[in-house]
Structure formats: C-alpha cells, structure tokens
Protein backbone atom coordinates (compact mmCIF):
# COMPACT_ATOMS: atom_id res chain seq x y z
CA MET A 1 82.81 -93.33 -15.53
CA THR A 2 85.99 -91.98 -17.02
CA THR A 3 89.45 -93.45 -16.52
CA THR A 4 90.26 -90.42 -14.30
CA ASP A 5 87.29 -91.38 -12.04
CA LEU A 6 88.54 -94.95 -11.80
CA ASP A 7 92.05 -93.74 -10.96
CA ASP A 8 90.66 -92.58 -7.57
CA VAL A 9 89.20 -96.02 -6.65
CA VAL A 10 90.76 -98.76 -8.60
CA ARG A 11 94.35 -99.59 -8.04
CA HIS A 12 96.39 -102.42 -9.51
CA ALA A 13 99.67 -104.19 -8.67
CA GLY A 14 100.94 -106.77 -11.27
CA ASP A 15 102.70 -109.96 -10.25
CA ASP A 16 106.07 -108.28 -11.46
CA ASP A 17 105.51 -105.09 -9.49
CA LEU A 18 106.16 -106.93 -6.20
CA PRO A 19 109.26 -109.03 -5.71
CA TRP A 20 109.29 -112.35 -3.83
CA VAL A 21 111.59 -111.75 -0.87
CA ASP A 22 113.25 -114.61 1.05
CA ALA A 23 111.89 -114.31 4.57
CA THR A 24 114.19 -117.23 5.67
CA GLY A 25 113.25 -120.68 6.84
CA GLY A 26 111.83 -121.77 3.50
CA ILE A 27 109.37 -118.90 3.27
CA LEU A 28 109.01 -116.40 0.40
CA LEU A 29 106.82 -113.36 0.88
CA LYS A 30 104.96 -110.64 -1.02
CA VAL A 31 103.03 -107.95 0.69
CA LEU A 32 100.16 -107.11 -1.56
CA ARG A 33 98.12 -104.55 0.57
CA VAL A 34 98.42 -102.86 3.92
CA ASP A 35 95.54 -100.64 5.35
CA PRO A 36 96.86 -99.47 8.71
CA ALA A 37 93.75 -97.40 9.46
CA ASN A 38 91.52 -100.54 9.23
CA GLY A 39 94.13 -103.07 10.50
CA ILE A 40 93.92 -105.15 7.26
CA TRP A 41 97.01 -106.66 5.51
CA VAL A 42 97.20 -109.00 2.58
CA VAL A 43 100.19 -111.15 2.08
CA ARG A 44 101.09 -113.94 -0.32
CA ASN A 45 103.39 -116.75 1.00
CA ARG A 46 105.21 -119.49 -0.70
CA PHE A 47 106.21 -122.24 1.76
CA GLU A 48 108.74 -124.89 0.96
CA PRO A 49 107.85 -128.52 2.10
CA GLY A 50 108.53 -128.94 5.85
CA VAL A 51 107.89 -125.29 6.94
CA ARG A 52 106.13 -124.91 10.27
CA LEU A 53 105.20 -121.53 11.60
CA PRO A 54 105.03 -120.76 15.39
CA ARG A 55 101.71 -121.33 17.07
CA HIS A 56 99.82 -118.17 16.94
CA ARG A 57 96.58 -116.28 17.52
CA HIS A 58 94.95 -113.59 15.44
CA THR A 59 93.02 -110.72 17.01
CA GLY A 60 90.80 -110.44 13.92
CA PRO A 61 89.48 -112.82 11.28
CA VAL A 62 91.73 -114.22 8.53
CA ASP A 63 90.74 -115.38 5.08
CA GLY A 64 93.12 -117.65 3.07
CA PHE A 65 93.11 -118.99 -0.47
CA THR A 66 95.51 -121.73 -1.56
CA ILE A 67 96.85 -121.37 -5.01
CA SER A 68 99.12 -124.52 -4.95
CA GLY A 69 100.51 -127.12 -2.67
CA ARG A 70 99.05 -128.39 0.58
CA TRP A 71 99.10 -127.21 4.23
CA HIS A 72 97.11 -127.64 7.32
CA TYR A 73 96.89 -126.54 11.05
CA LEU A 74 98.14 -129.10 13.50
CA GLU A 75 95.05 -128.34 15.64
CA TYR A 76 92.53 -129.35 12.87
CA ASP A 77 91.94 -132.50 10.75
CA PHE A 78 91.68 -130.90 7.31
CA TYR A 79 94.28 -130.00 4.60
CA SER A 80 94.07 -126.94 2.36
CA THR A 81 95.07 -127.80 -1.23
CA ALA A 82 94.88 -125.81 -4.47
CA GLY A 83 91.60 -124.00 -4.70
CA SER A 84 90.83 -124.19 -1.00
CA TYR A 85 89.47 -121.32 0.87
CA ILE A 86 89.54 -120.93 4.70
CA ARG A 87 87.93 -118.39 7.03
CA GLU A 88 89.44 -118.21 10.54
CA PRO A 89 87.47 -116.47 13.28
CA ALA A 90 89.13 -113.78 15.46
CA GLY A 91 90.93 -115.45 18.38
CA SER A 92 91.57 -118.74 16.73
CA VAL A 93 94.85 -120.34 17.81
CA HIS A 94 96.75 -122.65 15.42
CA THR A 95 100.12 -123.87 14.02
CA LEU A 96 100.57 -123.68 10.25
CA ASP A 97 102.28 -126.77 8.93
CA VAL A 98 103.45 -127.61 5.40
CA PRO A 99 103.94 -131.40 5.17
CA ALA A 100 107.57 -132.35 4.40
CA ASP A 101 106.33 -134.88 1.89
CA ASN A 102 104.89 -132.21 -0.38
CA ASP A 103 106.23 -132.32 -3.89
CA GLU A 104 105.72 -128.71 -4.66
CA VAL A 105 105.77 -125.33 -3.09
CA THR A 106 102.64 -124.27 -1.18
CA ASP A 107 101.34 -120.87 -2.41
CA VAL A 108 98.70 -119.07 -0.14
CA ILE A 109 97.17 -115.62 -0.05
CA PHE A 110 96.11 -114.49 3.44
CA ILE A 111 93.82 -111.53 4.13
CA ILE A 112 94.48 -110.65 7.76
CA GLU A 113 92.48 -108.36 10.02
CA GLY A 114 94.20 -107.13 13.28
CA VAL A 115 97.47 -108.45 14.50
CA ASN A 116 99.16 -111.87 14.70
CA LEU A 117 100.37 -112.99 18.21
CA ASP A 118 103.06 -115.59 18.23
CA LEU A 119 102.63 -117.75 21.34
CA ALA A 120 104.98 -119.60 23.72
CA ASP A 121 104.14 -123.17 24.92
CA ASP A 122 102.44 -121.59 28.04
CA GLY A 123 100.21 -119.34 25.84
CA SER A 124 102.05 -116.13 26.58
CA VAL A 125 102.71 -113.72 23.67
CA VAL A 126 106.35 -113.78 22.42
CA ASN A 127 105.94 -111.65 19.25
CA VAL A 128 103.44 -109.24 17.82
CA VAL A 129 103.16 -108.63 14.11
CA ASP A 130 100.79 -106.36 12.18
CA GLY A 131 100.54 -105.02 8.63
CA SER A 132 102.74 -102.08 9.18
CA LEU A 133 105.59 -104.16 10.69
CA THR A 134 105.21 -106.72 7.91
CA LEU A 135 105.41 -104.09 5.25
CA ALA A 136 108.55 -102.53 6.85
CA ALA A 137 110.23 -106.02 6.96
CA TYR A 138 109.14 -106.65 3.32
CA GLU A 139 110.71 -103.37 2.23
CA ALA A 140 113.91 -104.00 4.13
CA LEU A 141 114.22 -107.52 2.81
CA ALA A 142 113.61 -106.40 -0.79
CA GLU A 143 116.25 -103.72 -0.51
CA ALA A 144 118.81 -106.07 1.14
CA GLN A 145 118.15 -108.68 -1.53
CA GLY A 146 118.77 -106.19 -4.35
CA PHE A 147 115.30 -105.59 -5.52
CA GLY A 148 115.13 -101.94 -4.37
CA ARG A 149 112.15 -100.65 -2.41
CA PRO A 150 108.93 -102.19 -3.64
CA THR A 151 106.55 -99.59 -5.12
CA GLY A 152 103.60 -101.75 -6.04
CA VAL A 153 102.09 -102.52 -2.60
CA LEU A 154 98.62 -101.05 -2.32
CA ILE A 155 98.31 -98.80 0.77
CA GLY A 156 94.96 -98.07 2.27
C-alpha cells in the first residue's frame, strides 16, 4: 500500500491539533471524532474534582477509557480509575460523579453511539445531545476562547 492509498483510510489528529475548551462547571472538552451518518461521537473530557453530570440515558452503547483520576456512577458500586475500561449498554441510566476528594483531574475518553438524554427527577427528558450538537458547541467554544475553529476533528 502506498502513502496515497493510506490517505483515503487513515486519518490522524495529534493532541495539539485539538484545543481543550472550557465547557464550564469544571469540565474541559475535546471532540475527537463525529460520524453523523452512524451516530458515533468520540469525546475526551477532563473533570475537576467535584464535578457531577446530570442523570442521563444513552440511546446506544457507550465505551469509556479512564486515562487519569477517578470517577463513578452514583447508581453503581465501582470506581473507574486510570486504565479502567467501561462498556455501557444502550438504555442505561446513570449519574457521572467525580469525587470531590480526588487529588487530580479525571481524564476520560468516551465513544458514544446514539444520543445522550439528560433526565429530570421524574425521568422525563430535559435535554438531548448528539455528536453534531457537541461538535457545534465545541467549535463555538473554541472560537469564543480564542483558539479559532478546530480543524483536527475527524469527521465520518
């Protein structure tokens, strides 16, 4: 295979190609890949100690790999730490929590299929997020924070 052949199938985004944007509330975000046709999106989050996301449900499965730190779902009795891998089935409901006593930032890559549904206490949907919306927010935050529009996100 020649380099030209590989250009059609292999794409690369270096760490410096994608800025960390402040998504507020102690959360930094990088969008690594968005494939709207297949409903797949890949994000990397850095969570400060004490961050808690809204309770949510995913319409498709989610994979996660923890690079550093410690986090858990309030609904389960395990903690994900550096080197941990998690597979969530479609339809699972949970609340991501980063313990306030963590002594480092928690860094996690999530591979998400489908959409994320934020839930009210009664289980009703209050917010819907997918890869395209996340990419649009990432691009807007990057521009607003002086990084310019990110060009390293892998599309498709």
